[in-house]
Amino acid sequence: MTVGLSRRKSVGPRRAVPHRQNAAGLEDLSVDYQAVMETAAEVGEDGLGARRAAVVLGWDSASASRVEGARARLKRLVERAGWWR
């Protein structure tokens, strides 16, 4: 018995956070990243720490691995030129 496999075209590397110049706006970000950006705008100059970002994402902020995951998301936004300004 032969099972037919669908051949999908490779779409190339997927970016969780597109470079700002390649995006129309926040709607191009995933829902999680949109929530982080909205909270960052609310806190303004006070800044958004990794622990608070973990809470915004609905993660356990007592878990070091979750806080580090949130920190990685914040870094990704900063690294992708222009999201964090």
N, C-alpha and C. Protein backbone atom coordinates (compact mmCIF):
# COMPACT_ATOMS: atom_id res chain seq x y z
N MET A 1 0.84 -1.16 0.00
CA MET A 1 0.00 0.00 0.00
C MET A 1 0.90 1.24 0.00
N THR A 2 0.62 2.15 -0.87
CA THR A 2 1.39 3.38 -0.97
C THR A 2 0.59 4.53 -0.40
N VAL A 3 1.22 5.27 0.44
CA VAL A 3 0.56 6.42 1.04
C VAL A 3 1.03 7.66 0.31
N GLY A 4 0.11 8.43 -0.21
CA GLY A 4 0.46 9.65 -0.93
C GLY A 4 0.77 10.78 0.04
N LEU A 5 1.96 11.30 -0.05
CA LEU A 5 2.35 12.42 0.80
C LEU A 5 2.24 13.70 0.00
N SER A 6 1.66 14.69 0.62
CA SER A 6 1.58 15.96 -0.08
C SER A 6 2.94 16.65 0.00
N ARG A 7 3.36 17.18 -1.08
CA ARG A 7 4.64 17.88 -1.13
C ARG A 7 4.35 19.38 -1.02
N ARG A 8 4.80 19.95 0.07
CA ARG A 8 4.61 21.38 0.23
C ARG A 8 5.90 22.09 -0.11
N LYS A 9 5.73 23.24 -0.68
CA LYS A 9 6.86 24.07 -1.03
C LYS A 9 7.46 24.66 0.24
N SER A 10 8.75 24.68 0.33
CA SER A 10 9.42 25.27 1.47
C SER A 10 9.17 26.78 1.48
N VAL A 11 8.83 27.31 2.63
CA VAL A 11 8.54 28.73 2.71
C VAL A 11 9.73 29.53 3.22
N GLY A 12 10.82 28.86 3.52
CA GLY A 12 12.00 29.57 4.02
C GLY A 12 11.90 29.79 5.51
N PRO A 13 12.89 30.47 6.06
CA PRO A 13 12.88 30.67 7.51
C PRO A 13 11.73 31.54 7.96
N ARG A 14 11.12 31.17 9.05
CA ARG A 14 9.99 31.92 9.59
C ARG A 14 10.50 32.80 10.72
N ARG A 15 10.13 34.04 10.67
CA ARG A 15 10.52 34.97 11.73
C ARG A 15 9.32 35.20 12.64
N ALA A 16 9.54 34.98 13.91
CA ALA A 16 8.49 35.24 14.89
C ALA A 16 8.21 36.74 14.96
N VAL A 17 9.26 37.52 14.77
CA VAL A 17 9.13 38.97 14.79
C VAL A 17 9.77 39.50 13.51
N PRO A 18 8.96 40.01 12.59
CA PRO A 18 9.54 40.55 11.36
C PRO A 18 10.31 41.84 11.64
N HIS A 19 11.27 42.14 10.81
CA HIS A 19 11.95 43.42 10.94
C HIS A 19 10.92 44.52 10.75
N ARG A 20 11.04 45.57 11.53
CA ARG A 20 10.04 46.65 11.55
C ARG A 20 9.82 47.24 10.16
N GLN A 21 10.89 47.38 9.39
CA GLN A 21 10.75 47.99 8.07
C GLN A 21 9.94 47.11 7.12
N ASN A 22 9.80 45.82 7.43
CA ASN A 22 9.04 44.90 6.58
C ASN A 22 7.62 44.68 7.08
N ALA A 23 7.20 45.42 8.10
CA ALA A 23 5.88 45.21 8.68
C ALA A 23 5.05 46.49 8.59
N ALA A 24 3.77 46.29 8.39
CA ALA A 24 2.86 47.43 8.29
C ALA A 24 2.56 48.02 9.66
N GLY A 25 2.54 47.18 10.66
CA GLY A 25 2.22 47.65 12.00
C GLY A 25 2.18 46.51 12.99
N LEU A 26 1.65 46.78 14.18
CA LEU A 26 1.59 45.76 15.23
C LEU A 26 0.79 44.53 14.81
N GLU A 27 -0.16 44.73 13.91
CA GLU A 27 -0.98 43.59 13.48
C GLU A 27 -0.17 42.51 12.77
N ASP A 28 1.05 42.82 12.36
CA ASP A 28 1.92 41.83 11.73
C ASP A 28 2.62 40.95 12.76
N LEU A 29 2.52 41.32 14.03
CA LEU A 29 3.10 40.51 15.10
C LEU A 29 2.10 39.46 15.57
N SER A 30 2.61 38.39 16.19
CA SER A 30 1.71 37.38 16.75
C SER A 30 0.95 38.00 17.92
N VAL A 31 -0.10 37.34 18.35
CA VAL A 31 -0.94 37.84 19.43
C VAL A 31 -0.13 38.06 20.70
N ASP A 32 0.77 37.14 21.01
CA ASP A 32 1.60 37.28 22.21
C ASP A 32 2.46 38.54 22.14
N TYR A 33 3.09 38.76 21.00
CA TYR A 33 3.95 39.93 20.86
C TYR A 33 3.12 41.22 20.87
N GLN A 34 1.92 41.18 20.32
CA GLN A 34 1.05 42.36 20.38
C GLN A 34 0.72 42.70 21.83
N ALA A 35 0.44 41.68 22.65
CA ALA A 35 0.12 41.91 24.06
C ALA A 35 1.32 42.52 24.79
N VAL A 36 2.50 42.03 24.50
CA VAL A 36 3.71 42.57 25.12
C VAL A 36 3.91 44.03 24.71
N MET A 37 3.73 44.33 23.44
CA MET A 37 3.91 45.70 22.96
C MET A 37 2.87 46.65 23.57
N GLU A 38 1.62 46.21 23.69
CA GLU A 38 0.58 47.04 24.29
C GLU A 38 0.90 47.34 25.75
N THR A 39 1.37 46.33 26.48
CA THR A 39 1.73 46.54 27.88
C THR A 39 2.93 47.46 28.00
N ALA A 40 3.89 47.31 27.11
CA ALA A 40 5.06 48.19 27.13
C ALA A 40 4.65 49.64 26.90
N ALA A 41 3.68 49.86 26.03
CA ALA A 41 3.20 51.22 25.78
C ALA A 41 2.49 51.78 27.02
N GLU A 42 1.79 50.92 27.74
CA GLU A 42 1.08 51.35 28.95
C GLU A 42 2.04 51.74 30.07
N VAL A 43 3.12 50.97 30.25
CA VAL A 43 4.05 51.26 31.34
C VAL A 43 4.99 52.40 30.99
N GLY A 44 5.16 52.68 29.70
CA GLY A 44 5.96 53.81 29.24
C GLY A 44 7.39 53.79 29.72
N GLU A 45 7.82 54.91 30.30
CA GLU A 45 9.20 55.09 30.72
C GLU A 45 9.64 54.13 31.82
N ASP A 46 8.69 53.58 32.55
CA ASP A 46 9.04 52.66 33.64
C ASP A 46 9.67 51.37 33.11
N GLY A 47 9.38 51.04 31.88
CA GLY A 47 9.95 49.85 31.27
C GLY A 47 9.17 48.59 31.60
N LEU A 48 9.34 47.60 30.79
CA LEU A 48 8.65 46.32 30.96
C LEU A 48 9.70 45.26 31.24
N GLY A 49 9.70 44.73 32.44
CA GLY A 49 10.65 43.69 32.80
C GLY A 49 10.18 42.32 32.34
N ALA A 50 11.10 41.38 32.37
CA ALA A 50 10.79 40.02 31.91
C ALA A 50 9.72 39.35 32.77
N ARG A 51 9.76 39.58 34.08
CA ARG A 51 8.76 38.95 34.95
C ARG A 51 7.36 39.47 34.63
N ARG A 52 7.24 40.76 34.42
CA ARG A 52 5.92 41.32 34.08
C ARG A 52 5.48 40.86 32.70
N ALA A 53 6.41 40.75 31.77
CA ALA A 53 6.07 40.24 30.43
C ALA A 53 5.55 38.81 30.52
N ALA A 54 6.15 38.01 31.41
CA ALA A 54 5.68 36.63 31.59
C ALA A 54 4.23 36.63 32.09
N VAL A 55 3.90 37.54 32.99
CA VAL A 55 2.53 37.64 33.49
C VAL A 55 1.58 38.03 32.37
N VAL A 56 2.00 39.00 31.54
CA VAL A 56 1.18 39.45 30.41
C VAL A 56 0.90 38.28 29.46
N LEU A 57 1.90 37.41 29.28
CA LEU A 57 1.75 36.26 28.39
C LEU A 57 0.94 35.13 29.03
N GLY A 58 0.57 35.30 30.30
CA GLY A 58 -0.21 34.28 30.98
C GLY A 58 0.65 33.14 31.50
N TRP A 59 1.93 33.39 31.67
CA TRP A 59 2.86 32.37 32.12
C TRP A 59 3.10 32.51 33.62
N ASP A 60 3.59 31.45 34.23
CA ASP A 60 3.94 31.43 35.65
C ASP A 60 5.20 32.26 35.87
N SER A 61 5.04 33.42 36.49
CA SER A 61 6.19 34.31 36.67
C SER A 61 7.13 33.82 37.78
N ALA A 62 6.76 32.77 38.51
CA ALA A 62 7.65 32.20 39.52
C ALA A 62 8.62 31.20 38.89
N SER A 63 8.35 30.81 37.66
CA SER A 63 9.19 29.84 36.97
C SER A 63 10.32 30.58 36.23
N ALA A 64 11.56 30.24 36.61
CA ALA A 64 12.71 30.91 35.99
C ALA A 64 12.74 30.69 34.48
N SER A 65 12.36 29.51 34.03
CA SER A 65 12.41 29.24 32.59
C SER A 65 11.37 30.08 31.84
N ARG A 66 10.22 30.31 32.45
CA ARG A 66 9.19 31.14 31.80
C ARG A 66 9.63 32.60 31.75
N VAL A 67 10.26 33.08 32.82
CA VAL A 67 10.74 34.46 32.85
C VAL A 67 11.83 34.63 31.79
N GLU A 68 12.71 33.65 31.66
CA GLU A 68 13.76 33.73 30.64
C GLU A 68 13.16 33.67 29.23
N GLY A 69 12.09 32.91 29.06
CA GLY A 69 11.40 32.87 27.77
C GLY A 69 10.81 34.23 27.43
N ALA A 70 10.25 34.89 28.43
CA ALA A 70 9.70 36.23 28.23
C ALA A 70 10.84 37.22 27.91
N ARG A 71 11.97 37.07 28.60
CA ARG A 71 13.13 37.93 28.33
C ARG A 71 13.59 37.76 26.88
N ALA A 72 13.59 36.52 26.40
CA ALA A 72 13.99 36.26 25.01
C ALA A 72 13.05 36.95 24.03
N ARG A 73 11.76 36.95 24.33
CA ARG A 73 10.80 37.64 23.45
C ARG A 73 11.04 39.15 23.45
N LEU A 74 11.33 39.71 24.61
CA LEU A 74 11.62 41.14 24.69
C LEU A 74 12.87 41.48 23.88
N LYS A 75 13.90 40.64 24.00
CA LYS A 75 15.14 40.86 23.25
C LYS A 75 14.88 40.80 21.75
N ARG A 76 14.05 39.85 21.34
CA ARG A 76 13.74 39.70 19.92
C ARG A 76 13.09 40.97 19.37
N LEU A 77 12.21 41.56 20.14
CA LEU A 77 11.56 42.80 19.72
C LEU A 77 12.58 43.93 19.59
N VAL A 78 13.53 43.99 20.50
CA VAL A 78 14.56 45.03 20.45
C VAL A 78 15.50 44.81 19.26
N GLU A 79 15.87 43.56 19.03
CA GLU A 79 16.82 43.24 17.95
C GLU A 79 16.26 43.47 16.56
N ARG A 80 14.97 43.36 16.40
CA ARG A 80 14.35 43.51 15.08
C ARG A 80 14.09 44.97 14.76
N ALA A 81 15.11 45.74 14.75
CA ALA A 81 15.17 47.15 14.38
C ALA A 81 13.85 47.90 14.40
N GLY A 82 13.66 48.67 15.42
CA GLY A 82 12.57 49.62 15.41
C GLY A 82 11.31 49.28 16.15
N TRP A 83 11.14 48.05 16.64
CA TRP A 83 9.90 47.74 17.34
C TRP A 83 9.84 48.43 18.69
N TRP A 84 10.97 48.60 19.31
CA TRP A 84 10.99 49.12 20.66
C TRP A 84 11.43 50.55 20.70
N ARG A 85 10.69 51.42 20.09
CA ARG A 85 11.04 52.85 20.11
C ARG A 85 9.85 53.68 20.41
